[in-house]
N, C-alpha and C. Protein backbone atom coordinates (compact mmCIF):
# COMPACT_ATOMS: atom_id res chain seq x y z
N MET A 1 0.83 -1.18 0.00
CA MET A 1 0.00 0.00 0.00
C MET A 1 0.88 1.24 0.00
N ARG A 2 0.51 2.20 -0.86
CA ARG A 2 1.15 3.51 -0.83
C ARG A 2 0.24 4.44 -0.04
N LEU A 3 0.86 5.32 0.72
CA LEU A 3 0.14 6.29 1.54
C LEU A 3 0.46 7.68 1.03
N PHE A 4 -0.57 8.43 0.67
CA PHE A 4 -0.43 9.81 0.25
C PHE A 4 -1.11 10.66 1.30
N ILE A 5 -0.34 11.46 2.03
CA ILE A 5 -0.90 12.32 3.07
C ILE A 5 -1.03 13.72 2.48
N ILE A 6 -2.27 14.18 2.35
CA ILE A 6 -2.52 15.55 1.91
C ILE A 6 -2.68 16.37 3.18
N THR A 7 -1.79 17.33 3.35
CA THR A 7 -1.76 18.09 4.59
C THR A 7 -1.72 19.58 4.30
N GLY A 8 -2.06 20.33 5.30
CA GLY A 8 -2.06 21.79 5.23
C GLY A 8 -2.85 22.32 6.40
N THR A 9 -2.85 23.62 6.56
CA THR A 9 -3.59 24.22 7.65
C THR A 9 -5.09 24.22 7.34
N SER A 10 -5.90 24.53 8.32
CA SER A 10 -7.32 24.72 8.08
C SER A 10 -7.49 25.81 7.03
N GLY A 11 -8.35 25.56 6.06
CA GLY A 11 -8.58 26.53 5.01
C GLY A 11 -7.72 26.34 3.78
N ALA A 12 -6.82 25.38 3.81
CA ALA A 12 -5.94 25.15 2.65
C ALA A 12 -6.63 24.41 1.52
N GLY A 13 -7.74 23.76 1.81
CA GLY A 13 -8.49 23.06 0.77
C GLY A 13 -8.38 21.54 0.82
N LYS A 14 -7.96 21.00 1.95
CA LYS A 14 -7.74 19.56 2.06
C LYS A 14 -9.03 18.76 1.87
N SER A 15 -10.06 19.11 2.60
CA SER A 15 -11.32 18.35 2.51
C SER A 15 -11.96 18.50 1.14
N THR A 16 -11.84 19.67 0.57
CA THR A 16 -12.34 19.87 -0.80
C THR A 16 -11.60 18.93 -1.75
N MET A 17 -10.29 18.80 -1.59
CA MET A 17 -9.52 17.91 -2.45
C MET A 17 -9.92 16.46 -2.23
N LYS A 18 -10.21 16.09 -1.02
CA LYS A 18 -10.66 14.72 -0.75
C LYS A 18 -11.90 14.43 -1.57
N ASP A 19 -12.86 15.34 -1.54
CA ASP A 19 -14.10 15.15 -2.29
C ASP A 19 -13.84 15.10 -3.79
N MET A 20 -12.98 15.97 -4.28
CA MET A 20 -12.66 16.02 -5.71
C MET A 20 -11.92 14.74 -6.14
N LEU A 21 -10.96 14.32 -5.34
CA LEU A 21 -10.16 13.14 -5.71
C LEU A 21 -10.99 11.86 -5.67
N GLU A 22 -11.95 11.80 -4.78
CA GLU A 22 -12.84 10.64 -4.75
C GLU A 22 -13.58 10.47 -6.08
N LYS A 23 -13.84 11.59 -6.75
CA LYS A 23 -14.57 11.56 -8.02
C LYS A 23 -13.68 11.19 -9.20
N ILE A 24 -12.37 11.49 -9.11
CA ILE A 24 -11.52 11.32 -10.30
C ILE A 24 -10.47 10.21 -10.18
N LEU A 25 -10.28 9.66 -8.99
CA LEU A 25 -9.35 8.53 -8.84
C LEU A 25 -10.14 7.23 -8.93
N ASP A 26 -9.50 6.20 -9.44
CA ASP A 26 -10.12 4.89 -9.58
C ASP A 26 -10.44 4.31 -8.20
N PRO A 27 -11.73 4.13 -7.87
CA PRO A 27 -12.09 3.63 -6.54
C PRO A 27 -11.67 2.19 -6.28
N GLU A 28 -11.29 1.47 -7.34
CA GLU A 28 -10.78 0.11 -7.16
C GLU A 28 -9.34 0.12 -6.66
N LYS A 29 -8.63 1.23 -6.89
CA LYS A 29 -7.22 1.34 -6.52
C LYS A 29 -6.96 2.25 -5.33
N TYR A 30 -7.83 3.25 -5.13
CA TYR A 30 -7.57 4.30 -4.14
C TYR A 30 -8.72 4.46 -3.16
N ALA A 31 -8.37 4.63 -1.89
CA ALA A 31 -9.33 5.00 -0.85
C ALA A 31 -8.98 6.41 -0.39
N CYS A 32 -9.93 7.31 -0.42
CA CYS A 32 -9.73 8.68 0.04
C CYS A 32 -10.45 8.83 1.37
N ILE A 33 -9.69 9.10 2.42
CA ILE A 33 -10.27 9.16 3.77
C ILE A 33 -9.76 10.40 4.48
N ASP A 34 -10.67 11.19 5.01
CA ASP A 34 -10.34 12.39 5.79
C ASP A 34 -10.17 11.97 7.25
N SER A 35 -9.21 12.55 7.92
CA SER A 35 -9.01 12.23 9.35
C SER A 35 -10.28 12.49 10.15
N ASP A 36 -11.11 13.42 9.69
CA ASP A 36 -12.37 13.71 10.37
C ASP A 36 -13.35 12.54 10.27
N GLU A 37 -13.12 11.62 9.35
CA GLU A 37 -14.01 10.49 9.15
C GLU A 37 -13.62 9.25 9.94
N THR A 38 -12.57 9.34 10.73
CA THR A 38 -12.09 8.15 11.46
C THR A 38 -12.89 7.88 12.73
N GLY A 39 -13.69 8.84 13.15
CA GLY A 39 -14.48 8.67 14.37
C GLY A 39 -13.74 9.10 15.62
N LEU A 40 -12.51 9.59 15.46
CA LEU A 40 -11.74 10.05 16.61
C LEU A 40 -11.91 11.56 16.78
N ASN A 41 -11.74 12.00 18.00
CA ASN A 41 -11.85 13.42 18.31
C ASN A 41 -10.54 13.88 18.96
N TRP A 42 -9.94 14.92 18.36
CA TRP A 42 -8.68 15.45 18.88
C TRP A 42 -8.79 15.79 20.36
N TRP A 43 -9.93 16.29 20.79
CA TRP A 43 -10.07 16.72 22.19
C TRP A 43 -9.98 15.56 23.17
N ASP A 44 -10.19 14.34 22.70
CA ASP A 44 -10.02 13.17 23.57
C ASP A 44 -8.55 12.88 23.84
N TYR A 45 -7.65 13.46 23.04
CA TYR A 45 -6.21 13.25 23.17
C TYR A 45 -5.50 14.48 23.74
N ALA A 46 -6.06 15.65 23.50
CA ALA A 46 -5.42 16.90 23.94
C ALA A 46 -5.30 16.92 25.46
N GLY A 47 -4.17 17.37 25.93
CA GLY A 47 -3.95 17.46 27.37
C GLY A 47 -3.59 16.15 28.04
N THR A 48 -3.49 15.08 27.26
CA THR A 48 -3.09 13.80 27.83
C THR A 48 -1.57 13.67 27.72
N ASP A 49 -1.04 12.57 28.22
CA ASP A 49 0.40 12.35 28.09
C ASP A 49 0.74 11.71 26.74
N HIS A 50 -0.25 11.58 25.86
CA HIS A 50 -0.02 10.96 24.55
C HIS A 50 -0.84 11.64 23.43
N PRO A 51 -0.73 12.96 23.27
CA PRO A 51 -1.51 13.63 22.22
C PRO A 51 -1.14 13.19 20.81
N GLU A 52 0.09 12.73 20.63
CA GLU A 52 0.52 12.28 19.31
C GLU A 52 -0.21 11.02 18.85
N LYS A 53 -0.81 10.31 19.78
CA LYS A 53 -1.54 9.09 19.44
C LYS A 53 -2.77 9.39 18.59
N TYR A 54 -3.26 10.63 18.62
CA TYR A 54 -4.41 10.99 17.79
C TYR A 54 -4.08 10.75 16.32
N ALA A 55 -2.94 11.25 15.86
CA ALA A 55 -2.54 11.09 14.46
C ALA A 55 -2.30 9.61 14.15
N GLU A 56 -1.62 8.94 15.04
CA GLU A 56 -1.31 7.52 14.82
C GLU A 56 -2.58 6.67 14.77
N ASP A 57 -3.46 6.86 15.73
CA ASP A 57 -4.69 6.06 15.77
C ASP A 57 -5.56 6.34 14.55
N GLY A 58 -5.69 7.63 14.20
CA GLY A 58 -6.50 7.99 13.04
C GLY A 58 -5.94 7.41 11.75
N LEU A 59 -4.64 7.49 11.59
CA LEU A 59 -4.01 6.96 10.39
C LEU A 59 -4.19 5.44 10.31
N ASN A 60 -4.02 4.76 11.43
CA ASN A 60 -4.15 3.31 11.40
C ASN A 60 -5.59 2.86 11.15
N ILE A 61 -6.57 3.63 11.62
CA ILE A 61 -7.97 3.34 11.27
C ILE A 61 -8.16 3.51 9.77
N ALA A 62 -7.61 4.57 9.20
CA ALA A 62 -7.74 4.82 7.76
C ALA A 62 -7.06 3.71 6.95
N VAL A 63 -5.88 3.26 7.38
CA VAL A 63 -5.19 2.16 6.69
C VAL A 63 -6.07 0.91 6.69
N GLU A 64 -6.67 0.62 7.83
CA GLU A 64 -7.54 -0.55 7.92
C GLU A 64 -8.74 -0.41 6.99
N ARG A 65 -9.36 0.77 6.96
CA ARG A 65 -10.52 1.00 6.10
C ARG A 65 -10.15 0.97 4.61
N ALA A 66 -8.93 1.31 4.29
CA ALA A 66 -8.50 1.30 2.89
C ALA A 66 -8.45 -0.11 2.33
N ALA A 67 -8.35 -1.08 3.19
CA ALA A 67 -8.42 -2.50 2.82
C ALA A 67 -7.47 -2.87 1.67
N GLY A 68 -6.21 -2.43 1.79
CA GLY A 68 -5.20 -2.81 0.81
C GLY A 68 -5.08 -1.86 -0.38
N LYS A 69 -6.02 -0.96 -0.56
CA LYS A 69 -5.91 0.02 -1.64
C LYS A 69 -4.89 1.08 -1.24
N ASP A 70 -4.35 1.80 -2.22
CA ASP A 70 -3.52 2.95 -1.90
C ASP A 70 -4.41 3.96 -1.18
N LEU A 71 -3.86 4.57 -0.13
CA LEU A 71 -4.63 5.46 0.73
C LEU A 71 -4.25 6.91 0.50
N VAL A 72 -5.26 7.73 0.20
CA VAL A 72 -5.10 9.18 0.16
C VAL A 72 -5.73 9.66 1.47
N PHE A 73 -4.86 10.08 2.40
CA PHE A 73 -5.29 10.43 3.76
C PHE A 73 -5.20 11.94 3.93
N ILE A 74 -6.30 12.54 4.35
CA ILE A 74 -6.40 13.98 4.52
C ILE A 74 -6.20 14.29 6.00
N SER A 75 -5.18 15.09 6.30
CA SER A 75 -4.83 15.34 7.70
C SER A 75 -4.02 16.63 7.81
N CYS A 76 -4.01 17.20 9.00
CA CYS A 76 -3.15 18.37 9.26
C CYS A 76 -1.74 17.93 9.67
N MET A 77 -1.46 16.64 9.63
CA MET A 77 -0.19 16.10 10.11
C MET A 77 1.01 16.66 9.34
N ALA A 78 1.99 17.12 10.07
CA ALA A 78 3.23 17.61 9.48
C ALA A 78 4.17 16.43 9.23
N PRO A 79 4.99 16.52 8.18
CA PRO A 79 5.91 15.41 7.89
C PRO A 79 6.79 15.03 9.07
N HIS A 80 7.32 16.01 9.82
CA HIS A 80 8.22 15.67 10.92
C HIS A 80 7.49 14.90 12.02
N ASP A 81 6.20 15.17 12.23
CA ASP A 81 5.45 14.40 13.23
C ASP A 81 5.25 12.96 12.75
N TYR A 82 4.96 12.81 11.46
CA TYR A 82 4.77 11.47 10.91
C TYR A 82 6.04 10.64 11.08
N TRP A 83 7.17 11.21 10.70
CA TRP A 83 8.41 10.44 10.71
C TRP A 83 8.92 10.16 12.12
N THR A 84 8.60 11.04 13.09
CA THR A 84 9.19 10.87 14.42
C THR A 84 8.22 10.38 15.49
N LYS A 85 6.91 10.50 15.29
CA LYS A 85 5.98 10.20 16.37
C LYS A 85 4.96 9.12 16.06
N VAL A 86 4.79 8.77 14.80
CA VAL A 86 3.70 7.88 14.41
C VAL A 86 4.24 6.51 14.03
N ASN A 87 3.68 5.48 14.65
CA ASN A 87 3.97 4.11 14.27
C ASN A 87 2.92 3.69 13.25
N VAL A 88 3.38 3.34 12.06
CA VAL A 88 2.48 3.05 10.96
C VAL A 88 2.45 1.56 10.69
N SER A 89 1.31 1.10 10.24
CA SER A 89 1.13 -0.30 9.88
C SER A 89 2.20 -0.74 8.87
N ALA A 90 2.66 -1.96 9.01
CA ALA A 90 3.65 -2.51 8.08
C ALA A 90 3.08 -2.64 6.67
N GLU A 91 1.78 -2.53 6.55
CA GLU A 91 1.13 -2.59 5.24
C GLU A 91 1.54 -1.40 4.36
N VAL A 92 1.91 -0.28 4.99
CA VAL A 92 2.32 0.92 4.26
C VAL A 92 3.76 0.72 3.79
N LYS A 93 3.95 0.68 2.48
CA LYS A 93 5.27 0.43 1.90
C LYS A 93 5.97 1.71 1.44
N ALA A 94 5.21 2.77 1.19
CA ALA A 94 5.78 4.04 0.76
C ALA A 94 4.84 5.16 1.18
N THR A 95 5.43 6.29 1.60
CA THR A 95 4.64 7.43 2.04
C THR A 95 5.08 8.67 1.27
N TYR A 96 4.09 9.44 0.83
CA TYR A 96 4.32 10.67 0.10
C TYR A 96 3.50 11.78 0.74
N PHE A 97 4.13 12.93 0.95
CA PHE A 97 3.43 14.08 1.51
C PHE A 97 3.10 15.08 0.41
N ILE A 98 1.86 15.52 0.41
CA ILE A 98 1.38 16.55 -0.50
C ILE A 98 0.97 17.74 0.36
N GLY A 99 1.71 18.83 0.23
CA GLY A 99 1.43 20.03 1.01
C GLY A 99 0.49 20.96 0.27
N MET A 100 -0.59 21.34 0.92
CA MET A 100 -1.54 22.30 0.36
C MET A 100 -1.27 23.64 1.03
N TRP A 101 -1.21 24.69 0.22
CA TRP A 101 -0.83 26.00 0.76
C TRP A 101 -1.48 27.10 -0.08
N ALA A 102 -1.75 28.20 0.56
CA ALA A 102 -2.17 29.45 -0.10
C ALA A 102 -1.61 30.58 0.75
N PRO A 103 -1.47 31.77 0.19
CA PRO A 103 -0.96 32.90 0.98
C PRO A 103 -1.83 33.14 2.23
N ASP A 104 -1.19 33.69 3.25
CA ASP A 104 -1.86 33.89 4.54
C ASP A 104 -3.19 34.62 4.40
N GLU A 105 -3.25 35.67 3.60
CA GLU A 105 -4.50 36.43 3.47
C GLU A 105 -5.60 35.58 2.85
N THR A 106 -5.25 34.69 1.95
CA THR A 106 -6.24 33.79 1.35
C THR A 106 -6.76 32.83 2.41
N ILE A 107 -5.86 32.26 3.21
CA ILE A 107 -6.27 31.36 4.29
C ILE A 107 -7.16 32.11 5.27
N ARG A 108 -6.74 33.30 5.67
CA ARG A 108 -7.50 34.11 6.63
C ARG A 108 -8.92 34.35 6.09
N GLU A 109 -9.03 34.71 4.84
CA GLU A 109 -10.35 34.98 4.24
C GLU A 109 -11.20 33.72 4.18
N ARG A 110 -10.60 32.60 3.81
CA ARG A 110 -11.34 31.33 3.76
C ARG A 110 -11.87 30.96 5.14
N LEU A 111 -11.05 31.16 6.17
CA LEU A 111 -11.49 30.81 7.52
C LEU A 111 -12.57 31.76 8.02
N ARG A 112 -12.44 33.03 7.71
CA ARG A 112 -13.45 34.01 8.15
C ARG A 112 -14.82 33.76 7.52
N THR A 113 -14.84 33.19 6.33
CA THR A 113 -16.11 32.98 5.64
C THR A 113 -16.76 31.64 5.98
N ARG A 114 -16.12 30.84 6.82
CA ARG A 114 -16.72 29.58 7.25
C ARG A 114 -17.88 29.85 8.19
N PRO A 115 -18.82 28.91 8.28
CA PRO A 115 -19.94 29.08 9.22
C PRO A 115 -19.42 29.27 10.65
N LYS A 116 -20.12 30.09 11.43
CA LYS A 116 -19.68 30.41 12.80
C LYS A 116 -19.47 29.17 13.66
N GLU A 117 -20.27 28.12 13.43
CA GLU A 117 -20.14 26.91 14.25
C GLU A 117 -18.80 26.20 14.05
N ARG A 118 -18.08 26.56 12.99
CA ARG A 118 -16.75 25.99 12.78
C ARG A 118 -15.72 26.61 13.72
N GLY A 119 -16.06 27.76 14.33
CA GLY A 119 -15.23 28.33 15.39
C GLY A 119 -14.20 29.36 14.98
N PHE A 120 -14.12 29.71 13.71
CA PHE A 120 -13.12 30.68 13.27
C PHE A 120 -13.70 32.10 13.35
N THR A 121 -13.95 32.53 14.58
CA THR A 121 -14.71 33.76 14.81
C THR A 121 -13.85 34.95 15.19
N SER A 122 -12.55 34.76 15.34
CA SER A 122 -11.69 35.89 15.74
C SER A 122 -10.28 35.69 15.20
N ASP A 123 -9.55 36.80 15.15
CA ASP A 123 -8.14 36.72 14.73
C ASP A 123 -7.33 35.87 15.70
N GLU A 124 -7.71 35.88 16.96
CA GLU A 124 -7.03 35.07 17.98
C GLU A 124 -7.13 33.57 17.65
N VAL A 125 -8.29 33.15 17.19
CA VAL A 125 -8.50 31.74 16.84
C VAL A 125 -7.80 31.41 15.52
N ILE A 126 -7.79 32.34 14.60
CA ILE A 126 -7.21 32.11 13.27
C ILE A 126 -5.68 32.14 13.30
N ARG A 127 -5.09 32.93 14.21
CA ARG A 127 -3.63 33.11 14.24
C ARG A 127 -2.82 31.82 14.20
N PRO A 128 -3.11 30.80 15.03
CA PRO A 128 -2.27 29.60 14.97
C PRO A 128 -2.34 28.87 13.61
N HIS A 129 -3.45 29.02 12.93
CA HIS A 129 -3.59 28.39 11.61
C HIS A 129 -2.73 29.13 10.58
N ILE A 130 -2.66 30.45 10.73
CA ILE A 130 -1.78 31.24 9.86
C ILE A 130 -0.32 30.90 10.15
N GLU A 131 0.02 30.73 11.42
CA GLU A 131 1.40 30.37 11.78
C GLU A 131 1.78 29.01 11.21
N TYR A 132 0.86 28.05 11.26
CA TYR A 132 1.14 26.74 10.68
C TYR A 132 1.27 26.86 9.16
N ASN A 133 0.43 27.66 8.55
CA ASN A 133 0.52 27.89 7.11
C ASN A 133 1.89 28.47 6.75
N GLN A 134 2.39 29.38 7.57
CA GLN A 134 3.72 29.96 7.32
C GLN A 134 4.80 28.90 7.44
N TRP A 135 4.68 28.01 8.42
CA TRP A 135 5.64 26.93 8.57
C TRP A 135 5.64 26.05 7.32
N ILE A 136 4.45 25.71 6.84
CA ILE A 136 4.34 24.87 5.65
C ILE A 136 5.02 25.55 4.46
N GLY A 137 4.76 26.84 4.28
CA GLY A 137 5.38 27.58 3.18
C GLY A 137 6.89 27.60 3.27
N LYS A 138 7.42 27.80 4.47
CA LYS A 138 8.88 27.84 4.66
C LYS A 138 9.52 26.46 4.47
N ASN A 139 8.73 25.42 4.67
CA ASN A 139 9.26 24.05 4.61
C ASN A 139 8.74 23.29 3.40
N ARG A 140 8.43 24.02 2.33
CA ARG A 140 7.85 23.39 1.14
C ARG A 140 8.72 22.27 0.59
N GLY A 141 10.01 22.30 0.83
CA GLY A 141 10.90 21.25 0.35
C GLY A 141 10.74 19.92 1.07
N LYS A 142 9.98 19.89 2.14
CA LYS A 142 9.76 18.64 2.88
C LYS A 142 8.62 17.82 2.27
N TYR A 143 8.00 18.35 1.23
CA TYR A 143 6.86 17.69 0.59
C TYR A 143 7.27 17.18 -0.78
N GLN A 144 6.84 15.97 -1.11
CA GLN A 144 7.12 15.45 -2.44
C GLN A 144 6.33 16.22 -3.50
N LEU A 145 5.19 16.76 -3.11
CA LEU A 145 4.42 17.65 -3.97
C LEU A 145 3.93 18.80 -3.11
N PHE A 146 4.16 20.01 -3.56
CA PHE A 146 3.72 21.21 -2.85
C PHE A 146 2.81 21.98 -3.79
N VAL A 147 1.58 22.26 -3.35
CA VAL A 147 0.59 22.88 -4.21
C VAL A 147 0.14 24.21 -3.62
N ASN A 148 0.41 25.29 -4.33
CA ASN A 148 -0.14 26.61 -4.01
C ASN A 148 -1.44 26.71 -4.80
N ASN A 149 -2.56 26.64 -4.10
CA ASN A 149 -3.85 26.59 -4.79
C ASN A 149 -4.58 27.93 -4.81
N GLU A 150 -3.85 29.01 -4.61
CA GLU A 150 -4.48 30.33 -4.57
C GLU A 150 -5.14 30.71 -5.90
N SER A 151 -4.46 30.49 -7.00
CA SER A 151 -4.95 31.02 -8.26
C SER A 151 -5.34 29.93 -9.26
N GLN A 152 -5.78 28.79 -8.77
CA GLN A 152 -6.26 27.76 -9.67
C GLN A 152 -7.59 27.22 -9.14
N THR A 153 -8.35 26.62 -10.02
CA THR A 153 -9.64 26.08 -9.61
C THR A 153 -9.44 24.81 -8.79
N GLU A 154 -10.49 24.38 -8.12
CA GLU A 154 -10.45 23.12 -7.39
C GLU A 154 -10.16 21.97 -8.35
N GLU A 155 -10.75 22.03 -9.53
CA GLU A 155 -10.53 20.98 -10.53
C GLU A 155 -9.07 20.93 -10.97
N GLN A 156 -8.46 22.09 -11.18
CA GLN A 156 -7.05 22.13 -11.57
C GLN A 156 -6.16 21.56 -10.47
N THR A 157 -6.44 21.94 -9.24
CA THR A 157 -5.66 21.43 -8.11
C THR A 157 -5.80 19.92 -8.01
N ALA A 158 -7.03 19.41 -8.14
CA ALA A 158 -7.26 17.97 -8.06
C ALA A 158 -6.52 17.24 -9.18
N GLU A 159 -6.48 17.80 -10.37
CA GLU A 159 -5.78 17.16 -11.49
C GLU A 159 -4.26 17.13 -11.25
N ILE A 160 -3.72 18.18 -10.65
CA ILE A 160 -2.29 18.19 -10.31
C ILE A 160 -1.98 17.06 -9.33
N ILE A 161 -2.80 16.93 -8.30
CA ILE A 161 -2.58 15.88 -7.30
C ILE A 161 -2.78 14.51 -7.92
N LYS A 162 -3.83 14.34 -8.71
CA LYS A 162 -4.07 13.06 -9.38
C LYS A 162 -2.87 12.70 -10.26
N GLY A 163 -2.36 13.66 -11.01
CA GLY A 163 -1.21 13.40 -11.87
C GLY A 163 -0.01 12.91 -11.09
N PHE A 164 0.24 13.53 -9.95
CA PHE A 164 1.36 13.12 -9.10
C PHE A 164 1.16 11.69 -8.60
N ILE A 165 -0.03 11.42 -8.08
CA ILE A 165 -0.33 10.11 -7.49
C ILE A 165 -0.26 9.00 -8.54
N THR A 166 -0.87 9.22 -9.67
CA THR A 166 -0.99 8.14 -10.65
C THR A 166 0.27 7.91 -11.48
N LYS A 167 1.18 8.85 -11.47
CA LYS A 167 2.43 8.67 -12.24
C LYS A 167 3.52 7.96 -11.43
N LEU A 168 3.34 7.85 -10.14
CA LEU A 168 4.33 7.15 -9.32
C LEU A 168 4.20 5.64 -9.54
N PRO A 169 5.32 4.92 -9.49
CA PRO A 169 5.23 3.48 -9.68
C PRO A 169 4.47 2.81 -8.54
N GLU A 170 3.70 1.82 -8.89
CA GLU A 170 2.96 1.08 -7.86
C GLU A 170 3.94 0.21 -7.08
N GLN A 171 3.60 -0.05 -5.83
CA GLN A 171 4.45 -0.88 -4.96
C GLN A 171 4.16 -2.35 -5.20
N GLU A 172 5.17 -3.16 -5.02
CA GLU A 172 5.00 -4.62 -5.16
C GLU A 172 4.75 -5.25 -3.83
């Protein structure tokens, strides 16, 4: 199984890409799963002595649900956390990170226009997401594919990601 982790800050377009990729990738070969769909809640891990287990547990649930297909996993997970904190199923033979990014003002605007129940109601709440977005931009070289989706359509972004995923050699 190949694992493709699409990551970025809130507002980068990860969940939108999950929905788009589900429509254009072969469902016999690929499972697209958002970390929000694993049934886990970050708040159950926050403040514990093992907050990193949230990413690990969620990823391992997604690997199990993928049932041997290549997994496109949507998560805010940073590459350094994956490599240093997460124990992954031996079923995963190769991992690729796809970084989603847009300029800070674009992210800020996307978050401000979300429904109030999503919680992005103040600059104080939005600030850590902008800081993470800045980290992603500065560390773009840590991603096998880095996508600035500010000035392209969702369809164009999905085709770029699909092209990257489908051109890589399959694992034996």
